[in-house]
Amino acid sequence: MGVSGCGKTTVGRKLAAALNWPYHDADDYHPAANVARMAAGVPLSDADRQPWLQGLAGMIQNWLSSGARVVLGCSALKERYRITLGVYHSGVSLVYLRGSRQILEDRLAHRRHRYMPPALLDSQLEALEEPVHACVVDIARSPDRLVEELLRRLALD
């Protein structure tokens, strides 16, 4: 979890590959109306996010029920979003990719996202409620180093 530009997709894909687990990007599950709002530079409201979060929560519950092991990249900016998602259930490990505004701005200036413009970083940082119960890693290090650390700290197999 983390704001746009923190490396959720890059680190998530690398972690999933190291574990030989599938990777899912929560951005792929946004309804078209949410994508259009963000593409226009309009931050999503809690009401905009609720159906998306509930859909993701159902997916997480299905994975847990079936014993599937996956890596899901999701912003999960607020505590109530994480509660809705069910990230504190047994069998779920929450990772927070934390970084400075300077690193985030630099990354966003050098990438193209299909609908998330750099201008929305301020709204994401404003909405962000840092998790208390998470494995927190500093994004100043390379994605490969972050994956090494996560494999060690989370003891995933």
N, C-alpha and C. Protein backbone atom coordinates (compact mmCIF):
# COMPACT_ATOMS: atom_id res chain seq x y z
N MET A 1 0.84 -1.18 0.00
CA MET A 1 0.00 0.00 0.00
C MET A 1 0.87 1.23 0.00
N GLY A 2 0.27 2.34 -0.43
CA GLY A 2 0.96 3.61 -0.44
C GLY A 2 0.41 4.51 -1.52
N VAL A 3 0.90 5.72 -1.55
CA VAL A 3 0.42 6.71 -2.51
C VAL A 3 0.98 6.42 -3.90
N SER A 4 0.45 7.11 -4.87
CA SER A 4 0.90 6.98 -6.25
C SER A 4 2.38 7.30 -6.34
N GLY A 5 3.10 6.46 -7.05
CA GLY A 5 4.53 6.67 -7.25
C GLY A 5 5.42 6.00 -6.22
N CYS A 6 4.83 5.33 -5.22
CA CYS A 6 5.65 4.71 -4.18
C CYS A 6 6.28 3.40 -4.64
N GLY A 7 5.76 2.82 -5.71
CA GLY A 7 6.33 1.58 -6.21
C GLY A 7 5.48 0.35 -5.99
N LYS A 8 4.20 0.54 -5.73
CA LYS A 8 3.33 -0.61 -5.47
C LYS A 8 3.40 -1.65 -6.59
N THR A 9 3.29 -1.19 -7.82
CA THR A 9 3.29 -2.12 -8.95
C THR A 9 4.67 -2.74 -9.16
N THR A 10 5.70 -1.92 -9.18
CA THR A 10 7.05 -2.43 -9.41
C THR A 10 7.47 -3.42 -8.32
N VAL A 11 7.36 -3.01 -7.07
CA VAL A 11 7.76 -3.87 -5.96
C VAL A 11 6.80 -5.06 -5.87
N GLY A 12 5.52 -4.81 -6.05
CA GLY A 12 4.54 -5.90 -5.98
C GLY A 12 4.79 -6.98 -7.01
N ARG A 13 5.06 -6.58 -8.23
CA ARG A 13 5.36 -7.57 -9.28
C ARG A 13 6.64 -8.34 -8.98
N LYS A 14 7.66 -7.64 -8.52
CA LYS A 14 8.92 -8.32 -8.19
C LYS A 14 8.75 -9.27 -7.00
N LEU A 15 7.99 -8.85 -6.00
CA LEU A 15 7.73 -9.72 -4.86
C LEU A 15 6.94 -10.95 -5.29
N ALA A 16 5.91 -10.74 -6.08
CA ALA A 16 5.10 -11.85 -6.57
C ALA A 16 5.95 -12.83 -7.38
N ALA A 17 6.83 -12.31 -8.22
CA ALA A 17 7.70 -13.17 -9.03
C ALA A 17 8.64 -13.98 -8.13
N ALA A 18 9.20 -13.33 -7.11
CA ALA A 18 10.10 -14.03 -6.20
C ALA A 18 9.39 -15.15 -5.44
N LEU A 19 8.10 -14.94 -5.17
CA LEU A 19 7.31 -15.93 -4.44
C LEU A 19 6.62 -16.93 -5.37
N ASN A 20 6.65 -16.65 -6.67
CA ASN A 20 5.90 -17.43 -7.66
C ASN A 20 4.40 -17.39 -7.36
N TRP A 21 3.92 -16.21 -7.00
CA TRP A 21 2.50 -15.95 -6.74
C TRP A 21 2.00 -14.99 -7.81
N PRO A 22 0.70 -14.99 -8.08
CA PRO A 22 0.17 -13.99 -9.02
C PRO A 22 0.16 -12.60 -8.39
N TYR A 23 0.26 -11.59 -9.26
CA TYR A 23 0.17 -10.20 -8.83
C TYR A 23 -1.13 -9.61 -9.37
N HIS A 24 -1.83 -8.88 -8.52
CA HIS A 24 -3.04 -8.15 -8.92
C HIS A 24 -2.85 -6.68 -8.56
N ASP A 25 -3.24 -5.81 -9.46
CA ASP A 25 -3.17 -4.37 -9.23
C ASP A 25 -4.59 -3.86 -9.01
N ALA A 26 -4.84 -3.30 -7.83
CA ALA A 26 -6.19 -2.82 -7.51
C ALA A 26 -6.67 -1.77 -8.51
N ASP A 27 -5.74 -1.04 -9.13
CA ASP A 27 -6.13 -0.05 -10.13
C ASP A 27 -6.90 -0.68 -11.28
N ASP A 28 -6.63 -1.95 -11.58
CA ASP A 28 -7.31 -2.63 -12.68
C ASP A 28 -8.79 -2.87 -12.40
N TYR A 29 -9.21 -2.72 -11.16
CA TYR A 29 -10.58 -3.02 -10.76
C TYR A 29 -11.43 -1.78 -10.51
N HIS A 30 -10.86 -0.60 -10.74
CA HIS A 30 -11.66 0.63 -10.60
C HIS A 30 -12.76 0.66 -11.66
N PRO A 31 -13.96 1.09 -11.29
CA PRO A 31 -14.99 1.27 -12.30
C PRO A 31 -14.61 2.41 -13.25
N ALA A 32 -15.17 2.38 -14.44
CA ALA A 32 -14.85 3.37 -15.48
C ALA A 32 -15.06 4.80 -14.99
N ALA A 33 -16.09 5.03 -14.18
CA ALA A 33 -16.36 6.39 -13.69
C ALA A 33 -15.21 6.89 -12.81
N ASN A 34 -14.64 6.02 -11.99
CA ASN A 34 -13.50 6.41 -11.15
C ASN A 34 -12.28 6.73 -12.01
N VAL A 35 -12.03 5.89 -13.00
CA VAL A 35 -10.89 6.11 -13.89
C VAL A 35 -11.04 7.45 -14.60
N ALA A 36 -12.24 7.76 -15.08
CA ALA A 36 -12.48 9.02 -15.78
C ALA A 36 -12.24 10.21 -14.85
N ARG A 37 -12.70 10.11 -13.61
CA ARG A 37 -12.49 11.20 -12.65
C ARG A 37 -11.00 11.45 -12.42
N MET A 38 -10.27 10.37 -12.15
CA MET A 38 -8.85 10.51 -11.87
C MET A 38 -8.10 11.02 -13.10
N ALA A 39 -8.45 10.51 -14.27
CA ALA A 39 -7.79 10.95 -15.51
C ALA A 39 -8.00 12.45 -15.74
N ALA A 40 -9.13 12.96 -15.25
CA ALA A 40 -9.43 14.39 -15.37
C ALA A 40 -8.79 15.20 -14.25
N GLY A 41 -8.05 14.52 -13.36
CA GLY A 41 -7.39 15.22 -12.27
C GLY A 41 -8.28 15.46 -11.08
N VAL A 42 -9.40 14.77 -10.98
CA VAL A 42 -10.35 14.94 -9.88
C VAL A 42 -10.13 13.82 -8.86
N PRO A 43 -9.78 14.18 -7.62
CA PRO A 43 -9.59 13.14 -6.60
C PRO A 43 -10.89 12.39 -6.33
N LEU A 44 -10.76 11.12 -6.00
CA LEU A 44 -11.94 10.32 -5.65
C LEU A 44 -12.40 10.63 -4.24
N SER A 45 -13.70 10.61 -4.05
CA SER A 45 -14.26 10.76 -2.71
C SER A 45 -14.36 9.37 -2.07
N ASP A 46 -14.63 9.35 -0.77
CA ASP A 46 -14.84 8.08 -0.10
C ASP A 46 -15.99 7.31 -0.74
N ALA A 47 -17.05 8.03 -1.12
CA ALA A 47 -18.20 7.38 -1.76
C ALA A 47 -17.81 6.77 -3.11
N ASP A 48 -16.93 7.46 -3.86
CA ASP A 48 -16.45 6.90 -5.13
C ASP A 48 -15.69 5.60 -4.91
N ARG A 49 -14.93 5.55 -3.83
CA ARG A 49 -14.07 4.40 -3.57
C ARG A 49 -14.81 3.20 -2.99
N GLN A 50 -15.93 3.43 -2.31
CA GLN A 50 -16.57 2.36 -1.53
C GLN A 50 -16.91 1.11 -2.35
N PRO A 51 -17.57 1.21 -3.51
CA PRO A 51 -17.86 -0.03 -4.26
C PRO A 51 -16.59 -0.75 -4.71
N TRP A 52 -15.58 0.01 -5.07
CA TRP A 52 -14.29 -0.56 -5.48
C TRP A 52 -13.66 -1.30 -4.30
N LEU A 53 -13.63 -0.68 -3.13
CA LEU A 53 -13.07 -1.32 -1.94
C LEU A 53 -13.83 -2.58 -1.57
N GLN A 54 -15.15 -2.53 -1.66
CA GLN A 54 -15.96 -3.70 -1.32
C GLN A 54 -15.70 -4.85 -2.30
N GLY A 55 -15.53 -4.52 -3.57
CA GLY A 55 -15.19 -5.55 -4.56
C GLY A 55 -13.85 -6.18 -4.27
N LEU A 56 -12.86 -5.35 -3.92
CA LEU A 56 -11.53 -5.86 -3.57
C LEU A 56 -11.60 -6.71 -2.30
N ALA A 57 -12.40 -6.28 -1.34
CA ALA A 57 -12.55 -7.05 -0.09
C ALA A 57 -13.11 -8.44 -0.39
N GLY A 58 -14.06 -8.51 -1.31
CA GLY A 58 -14.59 -9.81 -1.70
C GLY A 58 -13.53 -10.69 -2.34
N MET A 59 -12.68 -10.09 -3.17
CA MET A 59 -11.60 -10.84 -3.80
C MET A 59 -10.63 -11.37 -2.74
N ILE A 60 -10.26 -10.51 -1.79
CA ILE A 60 -9.35 -10.92 -0.73
C ILE A 60 -9.95 -12.07 0.07
N GLN A 61 -11.23 -11.95 0.40
CA GLN A 61 -11.90 -13.00 1.16
C GLN A 61 -11.92 -14.31 0.38
N ASN A 62 -12.17 -14.23 -0.92
CA ASN A 62 -12.16 -15.43 -1.75
C ASN A 62 -10.77 -16.07 -1.79
N TRP A 63 -9.74 -15.25 -1.90
CA TRP A 63 -8.37 -15.78 -1.90
C TRP A 63 -8.07 -16.47 -0.57
N LEU A 64 -8.46 -15.82 0.53
CA LEU A 64 -8.22 -16.42 1.83
C LEU A 64 -8.98 -17.73 1.99
N SER A 65 -10.23 -17.73 1.58
CA SER A 65 -11.08 -18.93 1.72
C SER A 65 -10.55 -20.10 0.90
N SER A 66 -10.00 -19.80 -0.25
CA SER A 66 -9.52 -20.86 -1.14
C SER A 66 -8.06 -21.23 -0.90
N GLY A 67 -7.39 -20.49 -0.02
CA GLY A 67 -5.99 -20.75 0.26
C GLY A 67 -5.05 -20.20 -0.80
N ALA A 68 -5.58 -19.37 -1.70
CA ALA A 68 -4.75 -18.77 -2.74
C ALA A 68 -3.77 -17.79 -2.10
N ARG A 69 -2.59 -17.72 -2.67
CA ARG A 69 -1.58 -16.78 -2.19
C ARG A 69 -1.31 -15.80 -3.32
N VAL A 70 -1.52 -14.53 -3.06
CA VAL A 70 -1.37 -13.50 -4.08
C VAL A 70 -0.73 -12.26 -3.47
N VAL A 71 -0.22 -11.42 -4.34
CA VAL A 71 0.23 -10.09 -3.96
C VAL A 71 -0.73 -9.11 -4.61
N LEU A 72 -1.30 -8.22 -3.81
CA LEU A 72 -2.23 -7.20 -4.30
C LEU A 72 -1.65 -5.83 -4.02
N GLY A 73 -1.46 -5.04 -5.06
CA GLY A 73 -1.03 -3.66 -4.90
C GLY A 73 -2.25 -2.76 -4.83
N CYS A 74 -2.38 -2.01 -3.75
CA CYS A 74 -3.56 -1.15 -3.55
C CYS A 74 -3.14 0.05 -2.71
N SER A 75 -3.66 1.23 -3.05
CA SER A 75 -3.30 2.43 -2.29
C SER A 75 -3.71 2.31 -0.83
N ALA A 76 -4.94 1.88 -0.54
CA ALA A 76 -5.42 1.68 0.83
C ALA A 76 -5.00 2.82 1.76
N LEU A 77 -5.28 4.05 1.34
CA LEU A 77 -4.74 5.23 2.01
C LEU A 77 -5.26 5.48 3.42
N LYS A 78 -6.50 5.14 3.68
CA LYS A 78 -7.09 5.43 4.99
C LYS A 78 -7.32 4.16 5.78
N GLU A 79 -7.29 4.31 7.10
CA GLU A 79 -7.51 3.16 7.98
C GLU A 79 -8.85 2.50 7.69
N ARG A 80 -9.89 3.28 7.48
CA ARG A 80 -11.21 2.68 7.22
C ARG A 80 -11.21 1.90 5.90
N TYR A 81 -10.40 2.30 4.93
CA TYR A 81 -10.28 1.53 3.69
C TYR A 81 -9.64 0.18 3.99
N ARG A 82 -8.59 0.20 4.81
CA ARG A 82 -7.91 -1.04 5.15
C ARG A 82 -8.82 -1.97 5.94
N ILE A 83 -9.65 -1.40 6.80
CA ILE A 83 -10.61 -2.22 7.55
C ILE A 83 -11.63 -2.83 6.58
N THR A 84 -12.15 -2.02 5.66
CA THR A 84 -13.09 -2.53 4.65
C THR A 84 -12.44 -3.66 3.85
N LEU A 85 -11.19 -3.48 3.46
CA LEU A 85 -10.49 -4.49 2.67
C LEU A 85 -10.24 -5.77 3.47
N GLY A 86 -10.16 -5.67 4.77
CA GLY A 86 -9.89 -6.84 5.61
C GLY A 86 -8.42 -7.18 5.69
N VAL A 87 -7.56 -6.17 5.60
CA VAL A 87 -6.12 -6.45 5.59
C VAL A 87 -5.58 -6.89 6.95
N TYR A 88 -6.39 -6.81 7.99
CA TYR A 88 -5.92 -7.23 9.30
C TYR A 88 -6.37 -8.65 9.65
N HIS A 89 -6.95 -9.36 8.68
CA HIS A 89 -7.32 -10.76 8.89
C HIS A 89 -6.07 -11.61 8.95
N SER A 90 -6.17 -12.70 9.65
CA SER A 90 -5.08 -13.68 9.66
C SER A 90 -4.85 -14.15 8.23
N GLY A 91 -3.61 -14.26 7.85
CA GLY A 91 -3.29 -14.69 6.49
C GLY A 91 -2.99 -13.55 5.55
N VAL A 92 -3.14 -12.31 6.02
CA VAL A 92 -2.86 -11.14 5.19
C VAL A 92 -1.70 -10.37 5.82
N SER A 93 -0.73 -10.01 5.00
CA SER A 93 0.39 -9.17 5.45
C SER A 93 0.28 -7.82 4.76
N LEU A 94 0.27 -6.75 5.53
CA LEU A 94 0.18 -5.40 4.98
C LEU A 94 1.56 -4.79 4.91
N VAL A 95 1.93 -4.33 3.72
CA VAL A 95 3.22 -3.67 3.50
C VAL A 95 2.94 -2.23 3.12
N TYR A 96 3.61 -1.31 3.78
CA TYR A 96 3.48 0.12 3.48
C TYR A 96 4.78 0.61 2.87
N LEU A 97 4.70 1.07 1.63
CA LEU A 97 5.85 1.63 0.93
C LEU A 97 5.86 3.14 1.20
N ARG A 98 6.74 3.54 2.11
CA ARG A 98 6.77 4.93 2.56
C ARG A 98 7.97 5.66 1.93
N GLY A 99 7.71 6.90 1.50
CA GLY A 99 8.79 7.68 0.92
C GLY A 99 8.56 9.16 1.07
N SER A 100 9.60 9.90 0.85
CA SER A 100 9.51 11.36 0.97
C SER A 100 8.76 11.94 -0.22
N ARG A 101 8.21 13.12 -0.02
CA ARG A 101 7.53 13.83 -1.11
C ARG A 101 8.48 14.02 -2.29
N GLN A 102 9.73 14.34 -2.01
CA GLN A 102 10.70 14.59 -3.07
C GLN A 102 10.88 13.35 -3.96
N ILE A 103 11.02 12.19 -3.34
CA ILE A 103 11.17 10.95 -4.12
C ILE A 103 9.90 10.69 -4.93
N LEU A 104 8.76 10.84 -4.30
CA LEU A 104 7.48 10.59 -4.98
C LEU A 104 7.30 11.54 -6.17
N GLU A 105 7.56 12.83 -5.96
CA GLU A 105 7.42 13.80 -7.05
C GLU A 105 8.36 13.48 -8.21
N ASP A 106 9.58 13.09 -7.87
CA ASP A 106 10.55 12.76 -8.91
C ASP A 106 10.09 11.54 -9.71
N ARG A 107 9.62 10.53 -9.03
CA ARG A 107 9.13 9.34 -9.72
C ARG A 107 7.94 9.67 -10.62
N LEU A 108 7.01 10.44 -10.09
CA LEU A 108 5.82 10.76 -10.88
C LEU A 108 6.15 11.62 -12.09
N ALA A 109 7.18 12.45 -11.96
CA ALA A 109 7.59 13.30 -13.09
C ALA A 109 8.20 12.48 -14.22
N HIS A 110 8.67 11.28 -13.89
CA HIS A 110 9.37 10.46 -14.88
C HIS A 110 8.60 9.21 -15.29
N ARG A 111 7.32 9.17 -15.02
CA ARG A 111 6.54 8.01 -15.44
C ARG A 111 5.23 8.45 -16.04
N ARG A 112 4.64 7.54 -16.78
CA ARG A 112 3.31 7.76 -17.34
C ARG A 112 2.39 6.69 -16.80
N HIS A 113 1.32 7.09 -16.19
CA HIS A 113 0.31 6.16 -15.69
C HIS A 113 -0.91 6.32 -16.58
N ARG A 114 -1.62 5.26 -16.78
CA ARG A 114 -2.74 5.30 -17.73
C ARG A 114 -3.83 6.29 -17.33
N TYR A 115 -3.94 6.62 -16.04
CA TYR A 115 -4.95 7.62 -15.67
C TYR A 115 -4.60 8.43 -14.42
N MET A 116 -3.53 8.15 -13.73
CA MET A 116 -3.23 8.83 -12.47
C MET A 116 -2.20 9.94 -12.71
N PRO A 117 -2.66 11.20 -12.85
CA PRO A 117 -1.72 12.29 -13.11
C PRO A 117 -0.95 12.68 -11.84
N PRO A 118 0.27 13.18 -11.99
CA PRO A 118 1.06 13.61 -10.84
C PRO A 118 0.36 14.65 -9.97
N ALA A 119 -0.55 15.41 -10.56
CA ALA A 119 -1.25 16.46 -9.81
C ALA A 119 -2.08 15.90 -8.65
N LEU A 120 -2.41 14.61 -8.69
CA LEU A 120 -3.22 14.03 -7.61
C LEU A 120 -2.38 13.59 -6.40
N LEU A 121 -1.06 13.75 -6.47
CA LEU A 121 -0.22 13.36 -5.34
C LEU A 121 -0.62 14.12 -4.08
N ASP A 122 -0.87 15.42 -4.19
CA ASP A 122 -1.24 16.20 -3.00
C ASP A 122 -2.48 15.64 -2.32
N SER A 123 -3.50 15.30 -3.12
CA SER A 123 -4.73 14.77 -2.51
C SER A 123 -4.47 13.41 -1.87
N GLN A 124 -3.58 12.62 -2.46
CA GLN A 124 -3.27 11.32 -1.86
C GLN A 124 -2.51 11.49 -0.55
N LEU A 125 -1.53 12.38 -0.53
CA LEU A 125 -0.79 12.62 0.71
C LEU A 125 -1.70 13.20 1.79
N GLU A 126 -2.63 14.03 1.39
CA GLU A 126 -3.57 14.59 2.35
C GLU A 126 -4.47 13.51 2.93
N ALA A 127 -4.89 12.56 2.11
CA ALA A 127 -5.78 11.49 2.56
C ALA A 127 -5.04 10.40 3.33
N LEU A 128 -3.73 10.27 3.12
CA LEU A 128 -2.97 9.17 3.70
C LEU A 128 -3.00 9.18 5.22
N GLU A 129 -3.39 8.05 5.76
CA GLU A 129 -3.29 7.78 7.20
C GLU A 129 -2.31 6.62 7.32
N GLU A 130 -1.10 6.92 7.77
CA GLU A 130 -0.09 5.87 7.84
C GLU A 130 -0.55 4.75 8.75
N PRO A 131 -0.38 3.50 8.30
CA PRO A 131 -0.84 2.37 9.12
C PRO A 131 0.05 2.15 10.34
N VAL A 132 -0.58 1.71 11.40
CA VAL A 132 0.14 1.40 12.63
C VAL A 132 0.66 -0.04 12.56
N HIS A 133 -0.16 -0.92 12.00
CA HIS A 133 0.17 -2.34 11.95
C HIS A 133 0.50 -2.73 10.52
N ALA A 134 1.75 -2.50 10.13
CA ALA A 134 2.20 -2.83 8.78
C ALA A 134 3.69 -3.05 8.80
N CYS A 135 4.16 -3.74 7.79
CA CYS A 135 5.59 -3.85 7.54
C CYS A 135 5.95 -2.62 6.71
N VAL A 136 6.67 -1.68 7.30
CA VAL A 136 6.98 -0.41 6.65
C VAL A 136 8.38 -0.48 6.05
N VAL A 137 8.47 -0.13 4.75
CA VAL A 137 9.77 -0.10 4.09
C VAL A 137 9.96 1.26 3.43
N ASP A 138 11.23 1.67 3.37
CA ASP A 138 11.60 2.98 2.83
C ASP A 138 11.88 2.84 1.33
N ILE A 139 11.13 3.56 0.51
CA ILE A 139 11.26 3.43 -0.94
C ILE A 139 12.51 4.08 -1.51
N ALA A 140 13.35 4.66 -0.67
CA ALA A 140 14.59 5.25 -1.17
C ALA A 140 15.54 4.17 -1.69
N ARG A 141 15.33 2.93 -1.26
CA ARG A 141 16.16 1.82 -1.73
C ARG A 141 15.59 1.25 -3.02
N SER A 142 16.39 0.47 -3.70
CA SER A 142 15.96 -0.11 -4.98
C SER A 142 14.84 -1.12 -4.76
N PRO A 143 13.99 -1.32 -5.77
CA PRO A 143 12.95 -2.34 -5.65
C PRO A 143 13.49 -3.72 -5.31
N ASP A 144 14.63 -4.09 -5.87
CA ASP A 144 15.21 -5.41 -5.56
C ASP A 144 15.59 -5.51 -4.09
N ARG A 145 16.15 -4.46 -3.54
CA ARG A 145 16.50 -4.45 -2.11
C ARG A 145 15.24 -4.50 -1.24
N LEU A 146 14.20 -3.80 -1.66
CA LEU A 146 12.94 -3.83 -0.91
C LEU A 146 12.35 -5.23 -0.89
N VAL A 147 12.41 -5.91 -2.04
CA VAL A 147 11.89 -7.28 -2.09
C VAL A 147 12.70 -8.20 -1.19
N GLU A 148 14.02 -8.07 -1.21
CA GLU A 148 14.87 -8.87 -0.31
C GLU A 148 14.47 -8.65 1.15
N GLU A 149 14.27 -7.38 1.50
CA GLU A 149 13.87 -7.06 2.87
C GLU A 149 12.51 -7.64 3.21
N LEU A 150 11.56 -7.51 2.29
CA LEU A 150 10.22 -8.03 2.54
C LEU A 150 10.23 -9.56 2.70
N LEU A 151 10.96 -10.23 1.87
CA LEU A 151 11.05 -11.70 1.99
C LEU A 151 11.61 -12.09 3.35
N ARG A 152 12.59 -11.36 3.80
CA ARG A 152 13.20 -11.63 5.11
C ARG A 152 12.25 -11.29 6.25
N ARG A 153 11.67 -10.10 6.20
CA ARG A 153 10.84 -9.64 7.32
C ARG A 153 9.49 -10.34 7.42
N LEU A 154 8.92 -10.68 6.28
CA LEU A 154 7.60 -11.31 6.30
C LEU A 154 7.67 -12.83 6.38
N ALA A 155 8.87 -13.40 6.17
CA ALA A 155 9.07 -14.86 6.22
C ALA A 155 8.02 -15.57 5.37
N LEU A 156 7.84 -15.10 4.14
CA LEU A 156 6.87 -15.70 3.23
C LEU A 156 7.51 -16.88 2.51
N ASP A 157 6.69 -17.88 2.22
CA ASP A 157 7.20 -19.02 1.45
C ASP A 157 6.26 -19.40 0.35
